[in-house]
Amino acid sequence: MAVFLRVNGITHANRFEVTARVIEAVQGAGGWIVNHQAYSNLALCINFEIERGRVRDLARRLEGTGLEILEESQVAMAQASKGNASDNVPGTLQASFVHEEPDVKVYPPPG
């Protein structure tokens, strides 16, 4: 059965520190980052892949990042960990940053 893992979290902590910890969590669990996209200073999307047998380790490592993983994402990680441990699971990690900083404008490259 094909699985696509969606992990969503929210934080009030410093976005640079949380982003670094999330990257360390993915890589430390044996996953690899495929792509990423920052949306102003309010959100970040990281596309990753990880072996199914390492998803529980990823869930554990994300606990220490400062990112509060939403309950439905915790359930999704538990479900995604079931099955052939060597199968690769693609996924996204969406981080929402709550702060009082002014919005950072992101402009497309000239083209």
PDB file of N, CA and C in Angstrom:
ATOM      1  N   MET A   1       0.844  -1.174   0.000  1.00  0.00           N
ATOM      2  CA  MET A   1       0.000   0.000   0.000  1.00  0.00           C
ATOM      3  C   MET A   1       0.894   1.244   0.000  1.00  0.00           C
ATOM      4  N   ALA A   2       0.638   2.147  -0.925  1.00  0.00           N
ATOM      5  CA  ALA A   2       1.410   3.388  -1.016  1.00  0.00           C
ATOM      6  C   ALA A   2       1.004   4.336   0.108  1.00  0.00           C
ATOM      7  N   VAL A   3       1.988   4.941   0.713  1.00  0.00           N
ATOM      8  CA  VAL A   3       1.760   5.856   1.822  1.00  0.00           C
ATOM      9  C   VAL A   3       2.450   7.173   1.514  1.00  0.00           C
ATOM     10  N   PHE A   4       1.777   8.263   1.806  1.00  0.00           N
ATOM     11  CA  PHE A   4       2.396   9.580   1.761  1.00  0.00           C
ATOM     12  C   PHE A   4       2.153  10.206   3.121  1.00  0.00           C
ATOM     13  N   LEU A   5       3.217  10.510   3.833  1.00  0.00           N
ATOM     14  CA  LEU A   5       3.125  11.004   5.200  1.00  0.00           C
ATOM     15  C   LEU A   5       3.055  12.524   5.233  1.00  0.00           C
ATOM     16  N   ARG A   6       2.051  13.043   5.935  1.00  0.00           N
ATOM     17  CA  ARG A   6       1.911  14.489   6.114  1.00  0.00           C
ATOM     18  C   ARG A   6       2.045  14.799   7.600  1.00  0.00           C
ATOM     19  N   VAL A   7       3.073  15.571   7.929  1.00  0.00           N
ATOM     20  CA  VAL A   7       3.332  15.952   9.317  1.00  0.00           C
ATOM     21  C   VAL A   7       3.155  17.465   9.419  1.00  0.00           C
ATOM     22  N   ASN A   8       2.314  17.893  10.336  1.00  0.00           N
ATOM     23  CA  ASN A   8       2.054  19.319  10.540  1.00  0.00           C
ATOM     24  C   ASN A   8       2.358  19.684  11.980  1.00  0.00           C
ATOM     25  N   GLY A   9       2.982  20.841  12.149  1.00  0.00           N
ATOM     26  CA  GLY A   9       3.291  21.305  13.496  1.00  0.00           C
ATOM     27  C   GLY A   9       3.256  22.815  13.564  1.00  0.00           C
ATOM     28  N   ILE A  10       3.257  23.298  14.788  1.00  0.00           N
ATOM     29  CA  ILE A  10       3.196  24.730  15.046  1.00  0.00           C
ATOM     30  C   ILE A  10       4.163  25.061  16.174  1.00  0.00           C
ATOM     31  N   THR A  11       4.708  26.268  16.148  1.00  0.00           N
ATOM     32  CA  THR A  11       5.635  26.663  17.199  1.00  0.00           C
ATOM     33  C   THR A  11       5.629  28.171  17.400  1.00  0.00           C
ATOM     34  N   HIS A  12       5.954  28.556  18.615  1.00  0.00           N
ATOM     35  CA  HIS A  12       6.181  29.966  18.958  1.00  0.00           C
ATOM     36  C   HIS A  12       7.685  30.225  19.097  1.00  0.00           C
ATOM     37  N   ALA A  13       8.486  29.173  18.978  1.00  0.00           N
ATOM     38  CA  ALA A  13       9.941  29.281  19.155  1.00  0.00           C
ATOM     39  C   ALA A  13      10.594  29.903  17.917  1.00  0.00           C
ATOM     40  N   ASN A  14      11.851  30.243  18.060  1.00  0.00           N
ATOM     41  CA  ASN A  14      12.628  30.853  16.975  1.00  0.00           C
ATOM     42  C   ASN A  14      12.630  29.934  15.756  1.00  0.00           C
ATOM     43  N   ARG A  15      12.206  30.472  14.613  1.00  0.00           N
ATOM     44  CA  ARG A  15      12.048  29.640  13.417  1.00  0.00           C
ATOM     45  C   ARG A  15      13.371  29.083  12.902  1.00  0.00           C
ATOM     46  N   PHE A  16      14.453  29.819  13.062  1.00  0.00           N
ATOM     47  CA  PHE A  16      15.751  29.340  12.587  1.00  0.00           C
ATOM     48  C   PHE A  16      16.216  28.143  13.422  1.00  0.00           C
ATOM     49  N   GLU A  17      16.043  28.239  14.727  1.00  0.00           N
ATOM     50  CA  GLU A  17      16.439  27.139  15.611  1.00  0.00           C
ATOM     51  C   GLU A  17      15.575  25.910  15.386  1.00  0.00           C
ATOM     52  N   VAL A  18      14.269  26.114  15.279  1.00  0.00           N
ATOM     53  CA  VAL A  18      13.362  24.985  15.059  1.00  0.00           C
ATOM     54  C   VAL A  18      13.649  24.328  13.719  1.00  0.00           C
ATOM     55  N   THR A  19      13.875  25.129  12.686  1.00  0.00           N
ATOM     56  CA  THR A  19      14.173  24.574  11.366  1.00  0.00           C
ATOM     57  C   THR A  19      15.429  23.708  11.425  1.00  0.00           C
ATOM     58  N   ALA A  20      16.458  24.183  12.074  1.00  0.00           N
ATOM     59  CA  ALA A  20      17.699  23.407  12.195  1.00  0.00           C
ATOM     60  C   ALA A  20      17.451  22.095  12.944  1.00  0.00           C
ATOM     61  N   ARG A  21      16.658  22.161  14.018  1.00  0.00           N
ATOM     62  CA  ARG A  21      16.369  20.943  14.799  1.00  0.00           C
ATOM     63  C   ARG A  21      15.531  19.950  14.000  1.00  0.00           C
ATOM     64  N   VAL A  22      14.585  20.455  13.210  1.00  0.00           N
ATOM     65  CA  VAL A  22      13.750  19.574  12.392  1.00  0.00           C
ATOM     66  C   VAL A  22      14.602  18.873  11.336  1.00  0.00           C
ATOM     67  N   ILE A  23      15.498  19.609  10.696  1.00  0.00           N
ATOM     68  CA  ILE A  23      16.398  19.006   9.708  1.00  0.00           C
ATOM     69  C   ILE A  23      17.253  17.926  10.376  1.00  0.00           C
ATOM     70  N   GLU A  24      17.790  18.234  11.552  1.00  0.00           N
ATOM     71  CA  GLU A  24      18.579  17.244  12.298  1.00  0.00           C
ATOM     72  C   GLU A  24      17.740  16.022  12.640  1.00  0.00           C
ATOM     73  N   ALA A  25      16.467  16.221  12.996  1.00  0.00           N
ATOM     74  CA  ALA A  25      15.586  15.101  13.342  1.00  0.00           C
ATOM     75  C   ALA A  25      15.361  14.189  12.135  1.00  0.00           C
ATOM     76  N   VAL A  26      15.082  14.785  10.986  1.00  0.00           N
ATOM     77  CA  VAL A  26      14.856  13.981   9.774  1.00  0.00           C
ATOM     78  C   VAL A  26      16.117  13.208   9.421  1.00  0.00           C
ATOM     79  N   GLN A  27      17.240  13.896   9.375  1.00  0.00           N
ATOM     80  CA  GLN A  27      18.489  13.237   9.000  1.00  0.00           C
ATOM     81  C   GLN A  27      18.943  12.245  10.065  1.00  0.00           C
ATOM     82  N   GLY A  28      18.751  12.591  11.338  1.00  0.00           N
ATOM     83  CA  GLY A  28      19.145  11.703  12.421  1.00  0.00           C
ATOM     84  C   GLY A  28      18.349  10.407  12.445  1.00  0.00           C
ATOM     85  N   ALA A  29      17.124  10.455  11.934  1.00  0.00           N
ATOM     86  CA  ALA A  29      16.290   9.259  11.866  1.00  0.00           C
ATOM     87  C   ALA A  29      16.567   8.454  10.594  1.00  0.00           C
ATOM     88  N   GLY A  30      17.516   8.917   9.794  1.00  0.00           N
ATOM     89  CA  GLY A  30      17.872   8.194   8.581  1.00  0.00           C
ATOM     90  C   GLY A  30      17.129   8.660   7.343  1.00  0.00           C
ATOM     91  N   GLY A  31      16.358   9.734   7.475  1.00  0.00           N
ATOM     92  CA  GLY A  31      15.642  10.271   6.324  1.00  0.00           C
ATOM     93  C   GLY A  31      16.509  11.230   5.546  1.00  0.00           C
ATOM     94  N   TRP A  32      16.026  11.626   4.398  1.00  0.00           N
ATOM     95  CA  TRP A  32      16.745  12.605   3.599  1.00  0.00           C
ATOM     96  C   TRP A  32      15.766  13.642   3.058  1.00  0.00           C
ATOM     97  N   ILE A  33      16.264  14.861   2.972  1.00  0.00           N
ATOM     98  CA  ILE A  33      15.453  15.988   2.522  1.00  0.00           C
ATOM     99  C   ILE A  33      15.522  16.040   0.995  1.00  0.00           C
ATOM    100  N   VAL A  34      14.357  16.054   0.385  1.00  0.00           N
ATOM    101  CA  VAL A  34      14.247  16.065  -1.069  1.00  0.00           C
ATOM    102  C   VAL A  34      14.134  17.499  -1.586  1.00  0.00           C
ATOM    103  N   ASN A  35      13.378  18.333  -0.840  1.00  0.00           N
ATOM    104  CA  ASN A  35      13.140  19.706  -1.264  1.00  0.00           C
ATOM    105  C   ASN A  35      12.602  20.478  -0.064  1.00  0.00           C
ATOM    106  N   HIS A  36      12.571  21.787  -0.190  1.00  0.00           N
ATOM    107  CA  HIS A  36      11.981  22.608   0.866  1.00  0.00           C
ATOM    108  C   HIS A  36      11.502  23.925   0.264  1.00  0.00           C
ATOM    109  N   GLN A  37      10.567  24.559   0.943  1.00  0.00           N
ATOM    110  CA  GLN A  37      10.049  25.851   0.504  1.00  0.00           C
ATOM    111  C   GLN A  37       9.652  26.655   1.734  1.00  0.00           C
ATOM    112  N   ALA A  38      10.184  27.861   1.843  1.00  0.00           N
ATOM    113  CA  ALA A  38       9.789  28.773   2.918  1.00  0.00           C
ATOM    114  C   ALA A  38       8.709  29.704   2.385  1.00  0.00           C
ATOM    115  N   TYR A  39       7.703  29.925   3.182  1.00  0.00           N
ATOM    116  CA  TYR A  39       6.619  30.832   2.831  1.00  0.00           C
ATOM    117  C   TYR A  39       6.679  32.014   3.781  1.00  0.00           C
ATOM    118  N   SER A  40       7.338  33.071   3.315  1.00  0.00           N
ATOM    119  CA  SER A  40       7.572  34.240   4.137  1.00  0.00           C
ATOM    120  C   SER A  40       8.286  33.771   5.406  1.00  0.00           C
ATOM    121  N   ASN A  41       7.991  34.375   6.535  1.00  0.00           N
ATOM    122  CA  ASN A  41       8.568  33.912   7.795  1.00  0.00           C
ATOM    123  C   ASN A  41       7.491  33.242   8.642  1.00  0.00           C
ATOM    124  N   LEU A  42       6.436  32.780   7.966  1.00  0.00           N
ATOM    125  CA  LEU A  42       5.306  32.190   8.665  1.00  0.00           C
ATOM    126  C   LEU A  42       5.222  30.679   8.553  1.00  0.00           C
ATOM    127  N   ALA A  43       5.809  30.107   7.510  1.00  0.00           N
ATOM    128  CA  ALA A  43       5.657  28.669   7.307  1.00  0.00           C
ATOM    129  C   ALA A  43       6.835  28.112   6.508  1.00  0.00           C
ATOM    130  N   LEU A  44       7.047  26.834   6.698  1.00  0.00           N
ATOM    131  CA  LEU A  44       8.100  26.100   6.014  1.00  0.00           C
ATOM    132  C   LEU A  44       7.540  24.736   5.639  1.00  0.00           C
ATOM    133  N   CYS A  45       7.846  24.281   4.445  1.00  0.00           N
ATOM    134  CA  CYS A  45       7.475  22.938   4.008  1.00  0.00           C
ATOM    135  C   CYS A  45       8.760  22.204   3.633  1.00  0.00           C
ATOM    136  N   ILE A  46       8.978  21.067   4.256  1.00  0.00           N
ATOM    137  CA  ILE A  46      10.128  20.223   3.948  1.00  0.00           C
ATOM    138  C   ILE A  46       9.603  18.927   3.350  1.00  0.00           C
ATOM    139  N   ASN A  47      10.037  18.606   2.141  1.00  0.00           N
ATOM    140  CA  ASN A  47       9.718  17.316   1.522  1.00  0.00           C
ATOM    141  C   ASN A  47      10.850  16.356   1.871  1.00  0.00           C
ATOM    142  N   PHE A  48      10.496  15.167   2.312  1.00  0.00           N
ATOM    143  CA  PHE A  48      11.508  14.205   2.731  1.00  0.00           C
ATOM    144  C   PHE A  48      11.086  12.798   2.348  1.00  0.00           C
ATOM    145  N   GLU A  49      12.022  11.872   2.479  1.00  0.00           N
ATOM    146  CA  GLU A  49      11.745  10.444   2.378  1.00  0.00           C
ATOM    147  C   GLU A  49      12.455   9.760   3.526  1.00  0.00           C
ATOM    148  N   ILE A  50      11.838   8.678   3.978  1.00  0.00           N
ATOM    149  CA  ILE A  50      12.401   7.923   5.095  1.00  0.00           C
ATOM    150  C   ILE A  50      11.934   6.476   4.983  1.00  0.00           C
ATOM    151  N   GLU A  51      12.750   5.560   5.434  1.00  0.00           N
ATOM    152  CA  GLU A  51      12.318   4.165   5.462  1.00  0.00           C
ATOM    153  C   GLU A  51      11.196   4.014   6.480  1.00  0.00           C
ATOM    154  N   ARG A  52      10.217   3.204   6.123  1.00  0.00           N
ATOM    155  CA  ARG A  52       9.053   2.992   6.988  1.00  0.00           C
ATOM    156  C   ARG A  52       9.475   2.563   8.403  1.00  0.00           C
ATOM    157  N   GLY A  53      10.497   1.745   8.492  1.00  0.00           N
ATOM    158  CA  GLY A  53      10.964   1.263   9.788  1.00  0.00           C
ATOM    159  C   GLY A  53      11.598   2.348  10.650  1.00  0.00           C
ATOM    160  N   ARG A  54      11.850   3.533  10.093  1.00  0.00           N
ATOM    161  CA  ARG A  54      12.473   4.627  10.842  1.00  0.00           C
ATOM    162  C   ARG A  54      11.483   5.738  11.206  1.00  0.00           C
ATOM    163  N   VAL A  55      10.218   5.595  10.816  1.00  0.00           N
ATOM    164  CA  VAL A  55       9.229   6.643  11.054  1.00  0.00           C
ATOM    165  C   VAL A  55       9.003   6.869  12.553  1.00  0.00           C
ATOM    166  N   ARG A  56       8.970   5.801  13.341  1.00  0.00           N
ATOM    167  CA  ARG A  56       8.790   5.976  14.795  1.00  0.00           C
ATOM    168  C   ARG A  56       9.965   6.748  15.405  1.00  0.00           C
ATOM    169  N   ASP A  57      11.164   6.491  14.911  1.00  0.00           N
ATOM    170  CA  ASP A  57      12.335   7.231  15.381  1.00  0.00           C
ATOM    171  C   ASP A  57      12.200   8.709  15.006  1.00  0.00           C
ATOM    172  N   LEU A  58      11.714   8.990  13.809  1.00  0.00           N
ATOM    173  CA  LEU A  58      11.478  10.370  13.400  1.00  0.00           C
ATOM    174  C   LEU A  58      10.479  11.030  14.346  1.00  0.00           C
ATOM    175  N   ALA A  59       9.390  10.356  14.651  1.00  0.00           N
ATOM    176  CA  ALA A  59       8.378  10.913  15.557  1.00  0.00           C
ATOM    177  C   ALA A  59       8.995  11.242  16.912  1.00  0.00           C
ATOM    178  N   ARG A  60       9.821  10.337  17.421  1.00  0.00           N
ATOM    179  CA  ARG A  60      10.477  10.566  18.713  1.00  0.00           C
ATOM    180  C   ARG A  60      11.421  11.756  18.640  1.00  0.00           C
ATOM    181  N   ARG A  61      12.196  11.851  17.568  1.00  0.00           N
ATOM    182  CA  ARG A  61      13.157  12.943  17.424  1.00  0.00           C
ATOM    183  C   ARG A  61      12.474  14.303  17.246  1.00  0.00           C
ATOM    184  N   LEU A  62      11.322  14.328  16.612  1.00  0.00           N
ATOM    185  CA  LEU A  62      10.606  15.587  16.418  1.00  0.00           C
ATOM    186  C   LEU A  62      10.110  16.172  17.738  1.00  0.00           C
ATOM    187  N   GLU A  63       9.931  15.311  18.748  1.00  0.00           N
ATOM    188  CA  GLU A  63       9.472  15.782  20.058  1.00  0.00           C
ATOM    189  C   GLU A  63      10.409  16.820  20.659  1.00  0.00           C
ATOM    190  N   GLY A  64      11.677  16.766  20.378  1.00  0.00           N
ATOM    191  CA  GLY A  64      12.645  17.669  20.978  1.00  0.00           C
ATOM    192  C   GLY A  64      13.003  18.878  20.132  1.00  0.00           C
ATOM    193  N   THR A  65      12.219  19.169  19.110  1.00  0.00           N
ATOM    194  CA  THR A  65      12.583  20.232  18.176  1.00  0.00           C
ATOM    195  C   THR A  65      11.987  21.591  18.526  1.00  0.00           C
ATOM    196  N   GLY A  66      10.997  21.622  19.411  1.00  0.00           N
ATOM    197  CA  GLY A  66      10.277  22.862  19.680  1.00  0.00           C
ATOM    198  C   GLY A  66       9.052  23.009  18.803  1.00  0.00           C
ATOM    199  N   LEU A  67       8.839  22.054  17.916  1.00  0.00           N
ATOM    200  CA  LEU A  67       7.667  22.044  17.041  1.00  0.00           C
ATOM    201  C   LEU A  67       6.604  21.152  17.678  1.00  0.00           C
ATOM    202  N   GLU A  68       5.429  21.706  17.923  1.00  0.00           N
ATOM    203  CA  GLU A  68       4.324  20.921  18.481  1.00  0.00           C
ATOM    204  C   GLU A  68       3.641  20.192  17.323  1.00  0.00           C
ATOM    205  N   ILE A  69       3.832  18.878  17.266  1.00  0.00           N
ATOM    206  CA  ILE A  69       3.267  18.074  16.188  1.00  0.00           C
ATOM    207  C   ILE A  69       1.786  17.856  16.487  1.00  0.00           C
ATOM    208  N   LEU A  70       0.946  18.172  15.500  1.00  0.00           N
ATOM    209  CA  LEU A  70      -0.489  18.041  15.677  1.00  0.00           C
ATOM    210  C   LEU A  70      -0.885  16.577  15.847  1.00  0.00           C
ATOM    211  N   GLU A  71      -1.970  16.353  16.580  1.00  0.00           N
ATOM    212  CA  GLU A  71      -2.388  14.991  16.920  1.00  0.00           C
ATOM    213  C   GLU A  71      -2.624  14.121  15.688  1.00  0.00           C
ATOM    214  N   GLU A  72      -3.267  14.681  14.663  1.00  0.00           N
ATOM    215  CA  GLU A  72      -3.523  13.873  13.462  1.00  0.00           C
ATOM    216  C   GLU A  72      -2.220  13.468  12.781  1.00  0.00           C
ATOM    217  N   SER A  73      -1.182  14.276  12.913  1.00  0.00           N
ATOM    218  CA  SER A  73       0.117  13.925  12.355  1.00  0.00           C
ATOM    219  C   SER A  73       0.783  12.823  13.166  1.00  0.00           C
ATOM    220  N   GLN A  74       0.584  12.839  14.481  1.00  0.00           N
ATOM    221  CA  GLN A  74       1.117  11.767  15.319  1.00  0.00           C
ATOM    222  C   GLN A  74       0.464  10.433  14.950  1.00  0.00           C
ATOM    223  N   VAL A  75      -0.843  10.462  14.711  1.00  0.00           N
ATOM    224  CA  VAL A  75      -1.564   9.260  14.285  1.00  0.00           C
ATOM    225  C   VAL A  75      -1.053   8.803  12.922  1.00  0.00           C
ATOM    226  N   ALA A  76      -0.865   9.751  12.009  1.00  0.00           N
ATOM    227  CA  ALA A  76      -0.384   9.423  10.661  1.00  0.00           C
ATOM    228  C   ALA A  76       0.999   8.768  10.719  1.00  0.00           C
ATOM    229  N   MET A  77       1.878   9.262  11.598  1.00  0.00           N
ATOM    230  CA  MET A  77       3.211   8.664  11.712  1.00  0.00           C
ATOM    231  C   MET A  77       3.114   7.244  12.260  1.00  0.00           C
ATOM    232  N   ALA A  78       2.235   7.029  13.233  1.00  0.00           N
ATOM    233  CA  ALA A  78       2.059   5.676  13.775  1.00  0.00           C
ATOM    234  C   ALA A  78       1.559   4.727  12.691  1.00  0.00           C
ATOM    235  N   GLN A  79       0.623   5.177  11.862  1.00  0.00           N
ATOM    236  CA  GLN A  79       0.097   4.347  10.772  1.00  0.00           C
ATOM    237  C   GLN A  79       1.165   4.100   9.707  1.00  0.00           C
ATOM    238  N   ALA A  80       1.926   5.121   9.369  1.00  0.00           N
ATOM    239  CA  ALA A  80       2.937   5.011   8.317  1.00  0.00           C
ATOM    240  C   ALA A  80       4.063   4.058   8.702  1.00  0.00           C
ATOM    241  N   SER A  81       4.243   3.830   9.989  1.00  0.00           N
ATOM    242  CA  SER A  81       5.335   2.963  10.435  1.00  0.00           C
ATOM    243  C   SER A  81       5.001   1.484  10.271  1.00  0.00           C
ATOM    244  N   LYS A  82       3.751   1.162   9.954  1.00  0.00           N
ATOM    245  CA  LYS A  82       3.323  -0.239   9.809  1.00  0.00           C
ATOM    246  C   LYS A  82       3.573  -0.715   8.387  1.00  0.00           C
ATOM    247  N   GLY A  83       4.076  -1.928   8.274  1.00  0.00           N
ATOM    248  CA  GLY A  83       4.326  -2.507   6.956  1.00  0.00           C
ATOM    249  C   GLY A  83       5.783  -2.883   6.798  1.00  0.00           C
ATOM    250  N   ASN A  84       6.208  -3.065   5.565  1.00  0.00           N
ATOM    251  CA  ASN A  84       7.572  -3.474   5.253  1.00  0.00           C
ATOM    252  C   ASN A  84       8.545  -2.371   5.674  1.00  0.00           C
ATOM    253  N   ALA A  85       9.399  -2.670   6.645  1.00  0.00           N
ATOM    254  CA  ALA A  85      10.289  -1.675   7.249  1.00  0.00           C
ATOM    255  C   ALA A  85      11.239  -1.033   6.250  1.00  0.00           C
ATOM    256  N   SER A  86      11.564  -1.719   5.153  1.00  0.00           N
ATOM    257  CA  SER A  86      12.531  -1.166   4.209  1.00  0.00           C
ATOM    258  C   SER A  86      11.882  -0.320   3.108  1.00  0.00           C
ATOM    259  N   ASP A  87      10.563  -0.277   3.061  1.00  0.00           N
ATOM    260  CA  ASP A  87       9.894   0.581   2.073  1.00  0.00           C
ATOM    261  C   ASP A  87      10.189   2.043   2.366  1.00  0.00           C
ATOM    262  N   ASN A  88      10.382   2.828   1.317  1.00  0.00           N
ATOM    263  CA  ASN A  88      10.567   4.268   1.483  1.00  0.00           C
ATOM    264  C   ASN A  88       9.211   4.948   1.554  1.00  0.00           C
ATOM    265  N   VAL A  89       9.088   5.879   2.494  1.00  0.00           N
ATOM    266  CA  VAL A  89       7.860   6.648   2.669  1.00  0.00           C
ATOM    267  C   VAL A  89       8.176   8.105   2.347  1.00  0.00           C
ATOM    268  N   PRO A  90       7.555   8.656   1.300  1.00  0.00           N
ATOM    269  CA  PRO A  90       7.712  10.086   1.043  1.00  0.00           C
ATOM    270  C   PRO A  90       6.787  10.870   1.958  1.00  0.00           C
ATOM    271  N   GLY A  91       7.174  12.092   2.260  1.00  0.00           N
ATOM    272  CA  GLY A  91       6.317  12.896   3.113  1.00  0.00           C
ATOM    273  C   GLY A  91       6.658  14.372   3.074  1.00  0.00           C
ATOM    274  N   THR A  92       5.802  15.132   3.741  1.00  0.00           N
ATOM    275  CA  THR A  92       6.033  16.557   3.923  1.00  0.00           C
ATOM    276  C   THR A  92       5.937  16.877   5.403  1.00  0.00           C
ATOM    277  N   LEU A  93       6.714  17.845   5.809  1.00  0.00           N
ATOM    278  CA  LEU A  93       6.618  18.378   7.156  1.00  0.00           C
ATOM    279  C   LEU A  93       6.330  19.871   7.011  1.00  0.00           C
ATOM    280  N   GLN A  94       5.155  20.277   7.458  1.00  0.00           N
ATOM    281  CA  GLN A  94       4.736  21.675   7.397  1.00  0.00           C
ATOM    282  C   GLN A  94       4.894  22.271   8.782  1.00  0.00           C
ATOM    283  N   ALA A  95       5.686  23.310   8.895  1.00  0.00           N
ATOM    284  CA  ALA A  95       5.884  24.004  10.168  1.00  0.00           C
ATOM    285  C   ALA A  95       5.293  25.399  10.061  1.00  0.00           C
ATOM    286  N   SER A  96       4.413  25.735  10.993  1.00  0.00           N
ATOM    287  CA  SER A  96       3.833  27.085  11.061  1.00  0.00           C
ATOM    288  C   SER A  96       4.479  27.820  12.225  1.00  0.00           C
ATOM    289  N   PHE A  97       4.949  29.025  11.962  1.00  0.00           N
ATOM    290  CA  PHE A  97       5.648  29.818  12.962  1.00  0.00           C
ATOM    291  C   PHE A  97       4.746  30.960  13.428  1.00  0.00           C
ATOM    292  N   VAL A  98       4.451  30.969  14.708  1.00  0.00           N
ATOM    293  CA  VAL A  98       3.603  32.006  15.299  1.00  0.00           C
ATOM    294  C   VAL A  98       4.513  32.994  16.009  1.00  0.00           C
ATOM    295  N   HIS A  99       4.476  34.252  15.571  1.00  0.00           N
ATOM    296  CA  HIS A  99       5.339  35.274  16.162  1.00  0.00           C
ATOM    297  C   HIS A  99       4.749  36.642  15.859  1.00  0.00           C
ATOM    298  N   GLU A 100       5.361  37.649  16.410  1.00  0.00           N
ATOM    299  CA  GLU A 100       4.890  39.017  16.197  1.00  0.00           C
ATOM    300  C   GLU A 100       5.830  39.823  15.306  1.00  0.00           C
ATOM    301  N   GLU A 101       6.713  39.146  14.605  1.00  0.00           N
ATOM    302  CA  GLU A 101       7.619  39.821  13.686  1.00  0.00           C
ATOM    303  C   GLU A 101       6.835  40.296  12.469  1.00  0.00           C
ATOM    304  N   PRO A 102       7.290  41.359  11.830  1.00  0.00           N
ATOM    305  CA  PRO A 102       6.624  41.775  10.589  1.00  0.00           C
ATOM    306  C   PRO A 102       6.824  40.720   9.505  1.00  0.00           C
ATOM    307  N   ASP A 103       5.865  40.650   8.616  1.00  0.00           N
ATOM    308  CA  ASP A 103       5.921  39.705   7.518  1.00  0.00           C
ATOM    309  C   ASP A 103       7.147  39.998   6.642  1.00  0.00           C
ATOM    310  N   VAL A 104       7.836  38.958   6.230  1.00  0.00           N
ATOM    311  CA  VAL A 104       8.968  39.092   5.340  1.00  0.00           C
ATOM    312  C   VAL A 104       8.458  38.863   3.921  1.00  0.00           C
ATOM    313  N   LYS A 105       8.635  39.837   3.070  1.00  0.00           N
ATOM    314  CA  LYS A 105       8.187  39.713   1.683  1.00  0.00           C
ATOM    315  C   LYS A 105       9.153  38.831   0.904  1.00  0.00           C
ATOM    316  N   VAL A 106       8.609  37.900   0.165  1.00  0.00           N
ATOM    317  CA  VAL A 106       9.402  37.024  -0.684  1.00  0.00           C
ATOM    318  C   VAL A 106       8.953  37.264  -2.113  1.00  0.00           C
ATOM    319  N   TYR A 107       9.870  37.725  -2.938  1.00  0.00           N
ATOM    320  CA  TYR A 107       9.550  38.050  -4.315  1.00  0.00           C
ATOM    321  C   TYR A 107      10.061  36.972  -5.239  1.00  0.00           C
ATOM    322  N   PRO A 108       9.328  36.687  -6.310  1.00  0.00           N
ATOM    323  CA  PRO A 108       9.832  35.702  -7.274  1.00  0.00           C
ATOM    324  C   PRO A 108      11.039  36.259  -8.017  1.00  0.00           C
ATOM    325  N   PRO A 109      11.892  35.368  -8.491  1.00  0.00           N
ATOM    326  CA  PRO A 109      13.057  35.851  -9.247  1.00  0.00           C
ATOM    327  C   PRO A 109      12.612  36.533 -10.532  1.00  0.00           C
ATOM    328  N   PRO A 110      13.368  37.538 -10.978  1.00  0.00           N
ATOM    329  CA  PRO A 110      12.988  38.213 -12.237  1.00  0.00           C
ATOM    330  C   PRO A 110      13.064  37.217 -13.388  1.00  0.00           C
ATOM    331  N   GLY A 111      12.180  37.393 -14.294  1.00  0.00           N
ATOM    332  CA  GLY A 111      12.211  36.412 -15.267  1.00  0.00           C
ATOM    333  C   GLY A 111      11.970  36.529 -16.625  1.00  0.00           C
TER     334      GLY A 111
END
